[in-house]
Amino acid sequence: MKLPENSVLLRIFIGESDKYNNKPLYEQIVHEARKLNLAGATVLRGILGFGAHSRMHSAKILNLSLDLPIVIEIVDTREKIDTLLPFIDEHLTEGMVTLEDIKVIKYRHK
């Protein structure tokens, strides 16, 4: 797959405990992105953060949160990312979604 230099980065900020069909929402989003043949997705687990409710979520031992911040990053063309947005709109009940123009320097696989 070739990825054009001018692409977009979709970032989805959710909580680790967010679910869809009794499975982690982040897994469902990545599976949907793969099903739609997007270029790639990465899920990052945060160690500290807060969102719209201003509640702190922390990975500290004494304050172990069961709902750590999750960021899903997906890169592809705007047209391909647009095919995923209805799924996100339908299944994301809390969180934030951002989209930014990026310049892809390299995208390779063996």
PDB file of N, CA and C in Angstrom:
ATOM      1  N   MET A   1       0.837  -1.175   0.000  1.00  0.00           N
ATOM      2  CA  MET A   1       0.000   0.000   0.000  1.00  0.00           C
ATOM      3  C   MET A   1       0.885   1.242   0.000  1.00  0.00           C
ATOM      4  N   LYS A   2       0.534   2.189  -0.821  1.00  0.00           N
ATOM      5  CA  LYS A   2       1.256   3.460  -0.881  1.00  0.00           C
ATOM      6  C   LYS A   2       0.441   4.509  -0.147  1.00  0.00           C
ATOM      7  N   LEU A   3       1.118   5.303   0.647  1.00  0.00           N
ATOM      8  CA  LEU A   3       0.463   6.363   1.402  1.00  0.00           C
ATOM      9  C   LEU A   3       0.983   7.695   0.907  1.00  0.00           C
ATOM     10  N   PRO A   4       0.101   8.598   0.466  1.00  0.00           N
ATOM     11  CA  PRO A   4       0.571   9.883  -0.045  1.00  0.00           C
ATOM     12  C   PRO A   4       1.229  10.726   1.042  1.00  0.00           C
ATOM     13  N   GLU A   5       2.154  11.569   0.598  1.00  0.00           N
ATOM     14  CA  GLU A   5       2.868  12.438   1.534  1.00  0.00           C
ATOM     15  C   GLU A   5       1.899  13.291   2.341  1.00  0.00           C
ATOM     16  N   ASN A   6       0.899  13.859   1.702  1.00  0.00           N
ATOM     17  CA  ASN A   6      -0.093  14.669   2.399  1.00  0.00           C
ATOM     18  C   ASN A   6      -1.242  13.778   2.843  1.00  0.00           C
ATOM     19  N   SER A   7      -1.246  13.451   4.124  1.00  0.00           N
ATOM     20  CA  SER A   7      -2.259  12.572   4.704  1.00  0.00           C
ATOM     21  C   SER A   7      -2.838  13.259   5.935  1.00  0.00           C
ATOM     22  N   VAL A   8      -3.631  12.510   6.693  1.00  0.00           N
ATOM     23  CA  VAL A   8      -4.192  13.061   7.932  1.00  0.00           C
ATOM     24  C   VAL A   8      -3.968  12.095   9.083  1.00  0.00           C
ATOM     25  N   LEU A   9      -3.941  12.660  10.280  1.00  0.00           N
ATOM     26  CA  LEU A   9      -3.810  11.889  11.515  1.00  0.00           C
ATOM     27  C   LEU A   9      -5.095  12.056  12.305  1.00  0.00           C
ATOM     28  N   LEU A  10      -5.762  10.946  12.546  1.00  0.00           N
ATOM     29  CA  LEU A  10      -6.956  10.920  13.370  1.00  0.00           C
ATOM     30  C   LEU A  10      -6.540  10.479  14.766  1.00  0.00           C
ATOM     31  N   ARG A  11      -6.893  11.266  15.783  1.00  0.00           N
ATOM     32  CA  ARG A  11      -6.604  10.904  17.172  1.00  0.00           C
ATOM     33  C   ARG A  11      -7.918  10.790  17.919  1.00  0.00           C
ATOM     34  N   ILE A  12      -8.062   9.694  18.643  1.00  0.00           N
ATOM     35  CA  ILE A  12      -9.271   9.448  19.417  1.00  0.00           C
ATOM     36  C   ILE A  12      -8.856   9.269  20.871  1.00  0.00           C
ATOM     37  N   PHE A  13      -9.393  10.110  21.740  1.00  0.00           N
ATOM     38  CA  PHE A  13      -9.086  10.076  23.167  1.00  0.00           C
ATOM     39  C   PHE A  13     -10.283   9.472  23.899  1.00  0.00           C
ATOM     40  N   ILE A  14     -10.074   8.306  24.525  1.00  0.00           N
ATOM     41  CA  ILE A  14     -11.143   7.640  25.260  1.00  0.00           C
ATOM     42  C   ILE A  14     -10.571   7.097  26.561  1.00  0.00           C
ATOM     43  N   GLY A  15     -11.415   6.424  27.326  1.00  0.00           N
ATOM     44  CA  GLY A  15     -10.975   5.767  28.553  1.00  0.00           C
ATOM     45  C   GLY A  15     -10.803   4.280  28.331  1.00  0.00           C
ATOM     46  N   GLU A  16      -9.923   3.704  29.097  1.00  0.00           N
ATOM     47  CA  GLU A  16      -9.635   2.275  28.962  1.00  0.00           C
ATOM     48  C   GLU A  16     -10.864   1.411  29.238  1.00  0.00           C
ATOM     49  N   SER A  17     -11.768   1.887  30.071  1.00  0.00           N
ATOM     50  CA  SER A  17     -12.945   1.086  30.424  1.00  0.00           C
ATOM     51  C   SER A  17     -14.109   1.264  29.451  1.00  0.00           C
ATOM     52  N   ASP A  18     -13.963   2.113  28.435  1.00  0.00           N
ATOM     53  CA  ASP A  18     -15.034   2.297  27.451  1.00  0.00           C
ATOM     54  C   ASP A  18     -15.226   1.003  26.663  1.00  0.00           C
ATOM     55  N   LYS A  19     -16.488   0.602  26.510  1.00  0.00           N
ATOM     56  CA  LYS A  19     -16.799  -0.670  25.866  1.00  0.00           C
ATOM     57  C   LYS A  19     -17.745  -0.483  24.688  1.00  0.00           C
ATOM     58  N   TYR A  20     -17.702  -1.463  23.798  1.00  0.00           N
ATOM     59  CA  TYR A  20     -18.660  -1.598  22.713  1.00  0.00           C
ATOM     60  C   TYR A  20     -18.881  -3.092  22.536  1.00  0.00           C
ATOM     61  N   ASN A  21     -20.129  -3.560  22.651  1.00  0.00           N
ATOM     62  CA  ASN A  21     -20.449  -4.992  22.605  1.00  0.00           C
ATOM     63  C   ASN A  21     -19.628  -5.792  23.615  1.00  0.00           C
ATOM     64  N   ASN A  22     -19.488  -5.257  24.817  1.00  0.00           N
ATOM     65  CA  ASN A  22     -18.761  -5.902  25.926  1.00  0.00           C
ATOM     66  C   ASN A  22     -17.282  -6.139  25.644  1.00  0.00           C
ATOM     67  N   LYS A  23     -16.717  -5.431  24.664  1.00  0.00           N
ATOM     68  CA  LYS A  23     -15.291  -5.509  24.362  1.00  0.00           C
ATOM     69  C   LYS A  23     -14.728  -4.098  24.448  1.00  0.00           C
ATOM     70  N   PRO A  24     -13.416  -3.973  24.689  1.00  0.00           N
ATOM     71  CA  PRO A  24     -12.833  -2.629  24.745  1.00  0.00           C
ATOM     72  C   PRO A  24     -13.095  -1.853  23.456  1.00  0.00           C
ATOM     73  N   LEU A  25     -13.554  -0.610  23.603  1.00  0.00           N
ATOM     74  CA  LEU A  25     -13.867   0.222  22.448  1.00  0.00           C
ATOM     75  C   LEU A  25     -12.639   0.433  21.573  1.00  0.00           C
ATOM     76  N   TYR A  26     -11.452   0.584  22.198  1.00  0.00           N
ATOM     77  CA  TYR A  26     -10.242   0.809  21.396  1.00  0.00           C
ATOM     78  C   TYR A  26      -9.967  -0.365  20.465  1.00  0.00           C
ATOM     79  N   GLU A  27     -10.234  -1.591  20.927  1.00  0.00           N
ATOM     80  CA  GLU A  27     -10.045  -2.764  20.059  1.00  0.00           C
ATOM     81  C   GLU A  27     -11.017  -2.738  18.894  1.00  0.00           C
ATOM     82  N   GLN A  28     -12.255  -2.383  19.174  1.00  0.00           N
ATOM     83  CA  GLN A  28     -13.275  -2.354  18.134  1.00  0.00           C
ATOM     84  C   GLN A  28     -12.955  -1.307  17.070  1.00  0.00           C
ATOM     85  N   ILE A  29     -12.446  -0.152  17.515  1.00  0.00           N
ATOM     86  CA  ILE A  29     -12.088   0.899  16.558  1.00  0.00           C
ATOM     87  C   ILE A  29     -10.941   0.438  15.661  1.00  0.00           C
ATOM     88  N   VAL A  30      -9.926  -0.186  16.242  1.00  0.00           N
ATOM     89  CA  VAL A  30      -8.789  -0.670  15.451  1.00  0.00           C
ATOM     90  C   VAL A  30      -9.227  -1.771  14.489  1.00  0.00           C
ATOM     91  N   HIS A  31     -10.082  -2.679  14.947  1.00  0.00           N
ATOM     92  CA  HIS A  31     -10.581  -3.732  14.051  1.00  0.00           C
ATOM     93  C   HIS A  31     -11.381  -3.134  12.888  1.00  0.00           C
ATOM     94  N   GLU A  32     -12.180  -2.114  13.187  1.00  0.00           N
ATOM     95  CA  GLU A  32     -12.957  -1.460  12.124  1.00  0.00           C
ATOM     96  C   GLU A  32     -12.029  -0.756  11.129  1.00  0.00           C
ATOM     97  N   ALA A  33     -10.974  -0.099  11.641  1.00  0.00           N
ATOM     98  CA  ALA A  33      -9.999   0.561  10.766  1.00  0.00           C
ATOM     99  C   ALA A  33      -9.314  -0.462   9.857  1.00  0.00           C
ATOM    100  N   ARG A  34      -8.992  -1.606  10.403  1.00  0.00           N
ATOM    101  CA  ARG A  34      -8.354  -2.656   9.595  1.00  0.00           C
ATOM    102  C   ARG A  34      -9.317  -3.199   8.549  1.00  0.00           C
ATOM    103  N   LYS A  35     -10.574  -3.398   8.962  1.00  0.00           N
ATOM    104  CA  LYS A  35     -11.598  -3.879   8.031  1.00  0.00           C
ATOM    105  C   LYS A  35     -11.789  -2.907   6.859  1.00  0.00           C
ATOM    106  N   LEU A  36     -11.627  -1.613   7.135  1.00  0.00           N
ATOM    107  CA  LEU A  36     -11.773  -0.588   6.097  1.00  0.00           C
ATOM    108  C   LEU A  36     -10.486  -0.369   5.302  1.00  0.00           C
ATOM    109  N   ASN A  37      -9.443  -1.177   5.605  1.00  0.00           N
ATOM    110  CA  ASN A  37      -8.174  -1.125   4.874  1.00  0.00           C
ATOM    111  C   ASN A  37      -7.409   0.174   5.067  1.00  0.00           C
ATOM    112  N   LEU A  38      -7.493   0.764   6.267  1.00  0.00           N
ATOM    113  CA  LEU A  38      -6.725   1.977   6.537  1.00  0.00           C
ATOM    114  C   LEU A  38      -5.251   1.613   6.690  1.00  0.00           C
ATOM    115  N   ALA A  39      -4.384   2.597   6.537  1.00  0.00           N
ATOM    116  CA  ALA A  39      -2.940   2.348   6.481  1.00  0.00           C
ATOM    117  C   ALA A  39      -2.362   1.805   7.785  1.00  0.00           C
ATOM    118  N   GLY A  40      -2.881   2.244   8.928  1.00  0.00           N
ATOM    119  CA  GLY A  40      -2.345   1.754  10.188  1.00  0.00           C
ATOM    120  C   GLY A  40      -2.987   2.429  11.379  1.00  0.00           C
ATOM    121  N   ALA A  41      -2.901   1.769  12.524  1.00  0.00           N
ATOM    122  CA  ALA A  41      -3.462   2.302  13.764  1.00  0.00           C
ATOM    123  C   ALA A  41      -2.579   1.885  14.928  1.00  0.00           C
ATOM    124  N   THR A  42      -2.488   2.748  15.914  1.00  0.00           N
ATOM    125  CA  THR A  42      -1.733   2.459  17.128  1.00  0.00           C
ATOM    126  C   THR A  42      -2.557   2.891  18.330  1.00  0.00           C
ATOM    127  N   VAL A  43      -2.567   2.057  19.372  1.00  0.00           N
ATOM    128  CA  VAL A  43      -3.251   2.388  20.614  1.00  0.00           C
ATOM    129  C   VAL A  43      -2.188   2.661  21.679  1.00  0.00           C
ATOM    130  N   LEU A  44      -2.306   3.820  22.305  1.00  0.00           N
ATOM    131  CA  LEU A  44      -1.371   4.231  23.347  1.00  0.00           C
ATOM    132  C   LEU A  44      -2.112   4.308  24.677  1.00  0.00           C
ATOM    133  N   ARG A  45      -1.522   3.736  25.722  1.00  0.00           N
ATOM    134  CA  ARG A  45      -2.120   3.761  27.059  1.00  0.00           C
ATOM    135  C   ARG A  45      -1.403   4.814  27.889  1.00  0.00           C
ATOM    136  N   GLY A  46      -2.153   5.788  28.360  1.00  0.00           N
ATOM    137  CA  GLY A  46      -1.574   6.866  29.153  1.00  0.00           C
ATOM    138  C   GLY A  46      -1.357   6.467  30.600  1.00  0.00           C
ATOM    139  N   ILE A  47      -0.411   7.123  31.253  1.00  0.00           N
ATOM    140  CA  ILE A  47      -0.172   6.848  32.668  1.00  0.00           C
ATOM    141  C   ILE A  47      -0.803   7.898  33.574  1.00  0.00           C
ATOM    142  N   LEU A  48      -1.239   9.005  32.985  1.00  0.00           N
ATOM    143  CA  LEU A  48      -1.871  10.063  33.765  1.00  0.00           C
ATOM    144  C   LEU A  48      -2.651  10.955  32.818  1.00  0.00           C
ATOM    145  N   GLY A  49      -3.835  11.360  33.242  1.00  0.00           N
ATOM    146  CA  GLY A  49      -4.602  12.272  32.412  1.00  0.00           C
ATOM    147  C   GLY A  49      -5.947  12.600  33.014  1.00  0.00           C
ATOM    148  N   PHE A  50      -6.622  13.566  32.380  1.00  0.00           N
ATOM    149  CA  PHE A  50      -8.002  13.894  32.737  1.00  0.00           C
ATOM    150  C   PHE A  50      -8.700  14.386  31.495  1.00  0.00           C
ATOM    151  N   GLY A  51     -10.027  14.358  31.547  1.00  0.00           N
ATOM    152  CA  GLY A  51     -10.816  14.773  30.394  1.00  0.00           C
ATOM    153  C   GLY A  51     -11.859  15.793  30.788  1.00  0.00           C
ATOM    154  N   ALA A  52     -12.997  15.755  30.110  1.00  0.00           N
ATOM    155  CA  ALA A  52     -14.052  16.755  30.281  1.00  0.00           C
ATOM    156  C   ALA A  52     -14.587  16.822  31.710  1.00  0.00           C
ATOM    157  N   HIS A  53     -14.561  15.705  32.431  1.00  0.00           N
ATOM    158  CA  HIS A  53     -15.064  15.696  33.814  1.00  0.00           C
ATOM    159  C   HIS A  53     -14.016  16.152  34.826  1.00  0.00           C
ATOM    160  N   SER A  54     -12.790  16.394  34.373  1.00  0.00           N
ATOM    161  CA  SER A  54     -11.665  16.826  35.215  1.00  0.00           C
ATOM    162  C   SER A  54     -11.279  15.812  36.289  1.00  0.00           C
ATOM    163  N   ARG A  55     -11.687  14.559  36.145  1.00  0.00           N
ATOM    164  CA  ARG A  55     -11.267  13.497  37.067  1.00  0.00           C
ATOM    165  C   ARG A  55      -9.889  13.012  36.650  1.00  0.00           C
ATOM    166  N   MET A  56      -8.977  12.914  37.616  1.00  0.00           N
ATOM    167  CA  MET A  56      -7.641  12.416  37.326  1.00  0.00           C
ATOM    168  C   MET A  56      -7.666  10.896  37.210  1.00  0.00           C
ATOM    169  N   HIS A  57      -6.976  10.385  36.221  1.00  0.00           N
ATOM    170  CA  HIS A  57      -6.802   8.950  36.022  1.00  0.00           C
ATOM    171  C   HIS A  57      -5.301   8.704  36.058  1.00  0.00           C
ATOM    172  N   SER A  58      -4.869   7.816  36.959  1.00  0.00           N
ATOM    173  CA  SER A  58      -3.438   7.648  37.186  1.00  0.00           C
ATOM    174  C   SER A  58      -3.054   6.183  37.264  1.00  0.00           C
ATOM    175  N   ALA A  59      -1.823   5.889  36.853  1.00  0.00           N
ATOM    176  CA  ALA A  59      -1.293   4.534  36.933  1.00  0.00           C
ATOM    177  C   ALA A  59      -0.448   4.338  38.191  1.00  0.00           C
ATOM    178  N   LYS A  60      -0.441   5.319  39.096  1.00  0.00           N
ATOM    179  CA  LYS A  60       0.336   5.184  40.334  1.00  0.00           C
ATOM    180  C   LYS A  60      -0.222   4.035  41.165  1.00  0.00           C
ATOM    181  N   ILE A  61       0.675   3.299  41.818  1.00  0.00           N
ATOM    182  CA  ILE A  61       0.290   2.131  42.609  1.00  0.00           C
ATOM    183  C   ILE A  61      -0.742   2.487  43.686  1.00  0.00           C
ATOM    184  N   LEU A  62      -0.523   3.585  44.416  1.00  0.00           N
ATOM    185  CA  LEU A  62      -1.428   3.944  45.504  1.00  0.00           C
ATOM    186  C   LEU A  62      -2.760   4.492  45.011  1.00  0.00           C
ATOM    187  N   ASN A  63      -2.838   4.873  43.771  1.00  0.00           N
ATOM    188  CA  ASN A  63      -4.045   5.469  43.214  1.00  0.00           C
ATOM    189  C   ASN A  63      -4.373   4.805  41.887  1.00  0.00           C
ATOM    190  N   LEU A  64      -4.362   3.469  41.876  1.00  0.00           N
ATOM    191  CA  LEU A  64      -4.485   2.714  40.630  1.00  0.00           C
ATOM    192  C   LEU A  64      -5.858   2.906  39.999  1.00  0.00           C
ATOM    193  N   SER A  65      -5.873   3.472  38.823  1.00  0.00           N
ATOM    194  CA  SER A  65      -7.110   3.708  38.089  1.00  0.00           C
ATOM    195  C   SER A  65      -7.395   2.518  37.192  1.00  0.00           C
ATOM    196  N   LEU A  66      -8.673   2.164  37.103  1.00  0.00           N
ATOM    197  CA  LEU A  66      -9.082   1.105  36.185  1.00  0.00           C
ATOM    198  C   LEU A  66      -9.540   1.701  34.857  1.00  0.00           C
ATOM    199  N   ASP A  67      -9.372   3.012  34.722  1.00  0.00           N
ATOM    200  CA  ASP A  67      -9.829   3.708  33.525  1.00  0.00           C
ATOM    201  C   ASP A  67      -8.753   4.676  33.041  1.00  0.00           C
ATOM    202  N   LEU A  68      -7.605   4.125  32.675  1.00  0.00           N
ATOM    203  CA  LEU A  68      -6.504   4.969  32.222  1.00  0.00           C
ATOM    204  C   LEU A  68      -6.825   5.577  30.854  1.00  0.00           C
ATOM    205  N   PRO A  69      -6.188   6.708  30.539  1.00  0.00           N
ATOM    206  CA  PRO A  69      -6.423   7.334  29.239  1.00  0.00           C
ATOM    207  C   PRO A  69      -5.903   6.456  28.098  1.00  0.00           C
ATOM    208  N   ILE A  70      -6.660   6.420  27.019  1.00  0.00           N
ATOM    209  CA  ILE A  70      -6.276   5.692  25.810  1.00  0.00           C
ATOM    210  C   ILE A  70      -6.312   6.676  24.638  1.00  0.00           C
ATOM    211  N   VAL A  71      -5.261   6.642  23.815  1.00  0.00           N
ATOM    212  CA  VAL A  71      -5.228   7.449  22.596  1.00  0.00           C
ATOM    213  C   VAL A  71      -5.044   6.484  21.429  1.00  0.00           C
ATOM    214  N   ILE A  72      -5.917   6.584  20.449  1.00  0.00           N
ATOM    215  CA  ILE A  72      -5.818   5.778  19.235  1.00  0.00           C
ATOM    216  C   ILE A  72      -5.395   6.721  18.113  1.00  0.00           C
ATOM    217  N   GLU A  73      -4.308   6.394  17.443  1.00  0.00           N
ATOM    218  CA  GLU A  73      -3.837   7.209  16.322  1.00  0.00           C
ATOM    219  C   GLU A  73      -3.959   6.397  15.042  1.00  0.00           C
ATOM    220  N   ILE A  74      -4.577   7.014  14.044  1.00  0.00           N
ATOM    221  CA  ILE A  74      -4.778   6.357  12.752  1.00  0.00           C
ATOM    222  C   ILE A  74      -4.370   7.335  11.658  1.00  0.00           C
ATOM    223  N   VAL A  75      -3.529   6.863  10.726  1.00  0.00           N
ATOM    224  CA  VAL A  75      -3.040   7.704   9.633  1.00  0.00           C
ATOM    225  C   VAL A  75      -3.503   7.129   8.303  1.00  0.00           C
ATOM    226  N   ASP A  76      -4.020   7.986   7.455  1.00  0.00           N
ATOM    227  CA  ASP A  76      -4.360   7.617   6.079  1.00  0.00           C
ATOM    228  C   ASP A  76      -4.777   8.885   5.352  1.00  0.00           C
ATOM    229  N   THR A  77      -5.326   8.729   4.163  1.00  0.00           N
ATOM    230  CA  THR A  77      -5.833   9.884   3.420  1.00  0.00           C
ATOM    231  C   THR A  77      -7.125  10.365   4.075  1.00  0.00           C
ATOM    232  N   ARG A  78      -7.492  11.593   3.802  1.00  0.00           N
ATOM    233  CA  ARG A  78      -8.728  12.149   4.365  1.00  0.00           C
ATOM    234  C   ARG A  78      -9.938  11.327   3.915  1.00  0.00           C
ATOM    235  N   GLU A  79      -9.941  10.914   2.666  1.00  0.00           N
ATOM    236  CA  GLU A  79     -11.059  10.141   2.128  1.00  0.00           C
ATOM    237  C   GLU A  79     -11.235   8.810   2.861  1.00  0.00           C
ATOM    238  N   LYS A  80     -10.122   8.130   3.149  1.00  0.00           N
ATOM    239  CA  LYS A  80     -10.209   6.830   3.835  1.00  0.00           C
ATOM    240  C   LYS A  80     -10.574   7.019   5.308  1.00  0.00           C
ATOM    241  N   ILE A  81     -10.028   8.052   5.939  1.00  0.00           N
ATOM    242  CA  ILE A  81     -10.378   8.333   7.342  1.00  0.00           C
ATOM    243  C   ILE A  81     -11.875   8.637   7.441  1.00  0.00           C
ATOM    244  N   ASP A  82     -12.401   9.353   6.455  1.00  0.00           N
ATOM    245  CA  ASP A  82     -13.829   9.694   6.456  1.00  0.00           C
ATOM    246  C   ASP A  82     -14.726   8.456   6.470  1.00  0.00           C
ATOM    247  N   THR A  83     -14.236   7.324   5.974  1.00  0.00           N
ATOM    248  CA  THR A  83     -15.049   6.100   5.990  1.00  0.00           C
ATOM    249  C   THR A  83     -15.178   5.526   7.400  1.00  0.00           C
ATOM    250  N   LEU A  84     -14.235   5.873   8.290  1.00  0.00           N
ATOM    251  CA  LEU A  84     -14.260   5.379   9.673  1.00  0.00           C
ATOM    252  C   LEU A  84     -15.079   6.279  10.599  1.00  0.00           C
ATOM    253  N   LEU A  85     -15.207   7.543  10.261  1.00  0.00           N
ATOM    254  CA  LEU A  85     -15.850   8.506  11.153  1.00  0.00           C
ATOM    255  C   LEU A  85     -17.294   8.157  11.535  1.00  0.00           C
ATOM    256  N   PRO A  86     -18.127   7.605  10.652  1.00  0.00           N
ATOM    257  CA  PRO A  86     -19.478   7.226  11.090  1.00  0.00           C
ATOM    258  C   PRO A  86     -19.470   6.171  12.200  1.00  0.00           C
ATOM    259  N   PHE A  87     -18.558   5.206  12.127  1.00  0.00           N
ATOM    260  CA  PHE A  87     -18.438   4.186  13.177  1.00  0.00           C
ATOM    261  C   PHE A  87     -18.083   4.846  14.505  1.00  0.00           C
ATOM    262  N   ILE A  88     -17.117   5.764  14.469  1.00  0.00           N
ATOM    263  CA  ILE A  88     -16.700   6.454  15.694  1.00  0.00           C
ATOM    264  C   ILE A  88     -17.843   7.303  16.238  1.00  0.00           C
ATOM    265  N   ASP A  89     -18.507   8.022  15.366  1.00  0.00           N
ATOM    266  CA  ASP A  89     -19.618   8.868  15.791  1.00  0.00           C
ATOM    267  C   ASP A  89     -20.716   8.046  16.458  1.00  0.00           C
ATOM    268  N   GLU A  90     -20.975   6.870  15.942  1.00  0.00           N
ATOM    269  CA  GLU A  90     -22.035   6.016  16.481  1.00  0.00           C
ATOM    270  C   GLU A  90     -21.668   5.378  17.813  1.00  0.00           C
ATOM    271  N   HIS A  91     -20.398   5.029  18.015  1.00  0.00           N
ATOM    272  CA  HIS A  91     -20.016   4.234  19.176  1.00  0.00           C
ATOM    273  C   HIS A  91     -19.267   4.989  20.271  1.00  0.00           C
ATOM    274  N   LEU A  92     -18.833   6.190  20.002  1.00  0.00           N
ATOM    275  CA  LEU A  92     -18.110   6.974  21.002  1.00  0.00           C
ATOM    276  C   LEU A  92     -19.117   7.820  21.780  1.00  0.00           C
ATOM    277  N   THR A  93     -19.308   7.496  23.063  1.00  0.00           N
ATOM    278  CA  THR A  93     -20.250   8.256  23.884  1.00  0.00           C
ATOM    279  C   THR A  93     -19.551   9.318  24.718  1.00  0.00           C
ATOM    280  N   GLU A  94     -18.281   9.107  25.026  1.00  0.00           N
ATOM    281  CA  GLU A  94     -17.472  10.093  25.751  1.00  0.00           C
ATOM    282  C   GLU A  94     -16.086  10.092  25.135  1.00  0.00           C
ATOM    283  N   GLY A  95     -15.424  11.242  25.164  1.00  0.00           N
ATOM    284  CA  GLY A  95     -14.072  11.324  24.637  1.00  0.00           C
ATOM    285  C   GLY A  95     -13.919  12.507  23.707  1.00  0.00           C
ATOM    286  N   MET A  96     -12.840  12.488  22.956  1.00  0.00           N
ATOM    287  CA  MET A  96     -12.550  13.570  22.026  1.00  0.00           C
ATOM    288  C   MET A  96     -11.929  12.971  20.764  1.00  0.00           C
ATOM    289  N   VAL A  97     -12.242  13.567  19.628  1.00  0.00           N
ATOM    290  CA  VAL A  97     -11.704  13.128  18.337  1.00  0.00           C
ATOM    291  C   VAL A  97     -11.095  14.346  17.664  1.00  0.00           C
ATOM    292  N   THR A  98      -9.839  14.220  17.210  1.00  0.00           N
ATOM    293  CA  THR A  98      -9.183  15.312  16.492  1.00  0.00           C
ATOM    294  C   THR A  98      -8.672  14.803  15.150  1.00  0.00           C
ATOM    295  N   LEU A  99      -8.471  15.739  14.248  1.00  0.00           N
ATOM    296  CA  LEU A  99      -7.979  15.405  12.918  1.00  0.00           C
ATOM    297  C   LEU A  99      -7.017  16.505  12.499  1.00  0.00           C
ATOM    298  N   GLU A 100      -5.840  16.115  12.034  1.00  0.00           N
ATOM    299  CA  GLU A 100      -4.876  17.125  11.590  1.00  0.00           C
ATOM    300  C   GLU A 100      -4.160  16.673  10.338  1.00  0.00           C
ATOM    301  N   ASP A 101      -3.802  17.647   9.526  1.00  0.00           N
ATOM    302  CA  ASP A 101      -3.020  17.373   8.322  1.00  0.00           C
ATOM    303  C   ASP A 101      -1.591  17.048   8.729  1.00  0.00           C
ATOM    304  N   ILE A 102      -1.022  16.029   8.096  1.00  0.00           N
ATOM    305  CA  ILE A 102       0.358  15.639   8.378  1.00  0.00           C
ATOM    306  C   ILE A 102       1.102  15.411   7.074  1.00  0.00           C
ATOM    307  N   LYS A 103       2.411  15.340   7.185  1.00  0.00           N
ATOM    308  CA  LYS A 103       3.278  15.020   6.052  1.00  0.00           C
ATOM    309  C   LYS A 103       3.945  13.679   6.353  1.00  0.00           C
ATOM    310  N   VAL A 104       3.662  12.675   5.553  1.00  0.00           N
ATOM    311  CA  VAL A 104       4.252  11.351   5.736  1.00  0.00           C
ATOM    312  C   VAL A 104       5.625  11.348   5.069  1.00  0.00           C
ATOM    313  N   ILE A 105       6.647  11.061   5.847  1.00  0.00           N
ATOM    314  CA  ILE A 105       8.024  11.017   5.334  1.00  0.00           C
ATOM    315  C   ILE A 105       8.323   9.636   4.746  1.00  0.00           C
ATOM    316  N   LYS A 106       7.995   8.586   5.498  1.00  0.00           N
ATOM    317  CA  LYS A 106       8.200   7.208   5.014  1.00  0.00           C
ATOM    318  C   LYS A 106       7.072   6.337   5.536  1.00  0.00           C
ATOM    319  N   TYR A 107       6.691   5.387   4.712  1.00  0.00           N
ATOM    320  CA  TYR A 107       5.722   4.355   5.086  1.00  0.00           C
ATOM    321  C   TYR A 107       6.130   3.103   4.337  1.00  0.00           C
ATOM    322  N   ARG A 108       6.809   2.196   5.036  1.00  0.00           N
ATOM    323  CA  ARG A 108       7.374   1.035   4.369  1.00  0.00           C
ATOM    324  C   ARG A 108       7.077  -0.243   5.144  1.00  0.00           C
ATOM    325  N   HIS A 109       7.083  -1.316   4.436  1.00  0.00           N
ATOM    326  CA  HIS A 109       7.016  -2.653   5.041  1.00  0.00           C
ATOM    327  C   HIS A 109       7.752  -3.625   4.136  1.00  0.00           C
ATOM    328  N   LYS A 110       8.136  -4.749   4.717  1.00  0.00           N
ATOM    329  CA  LYS A 110       8.879  -5.744   3.933  1.00  0.00           C
ATOM    330  C   LYS A 110       7.957  -6.666   3.223  1.00  0.00           C
TER     331      LYS A 110
END
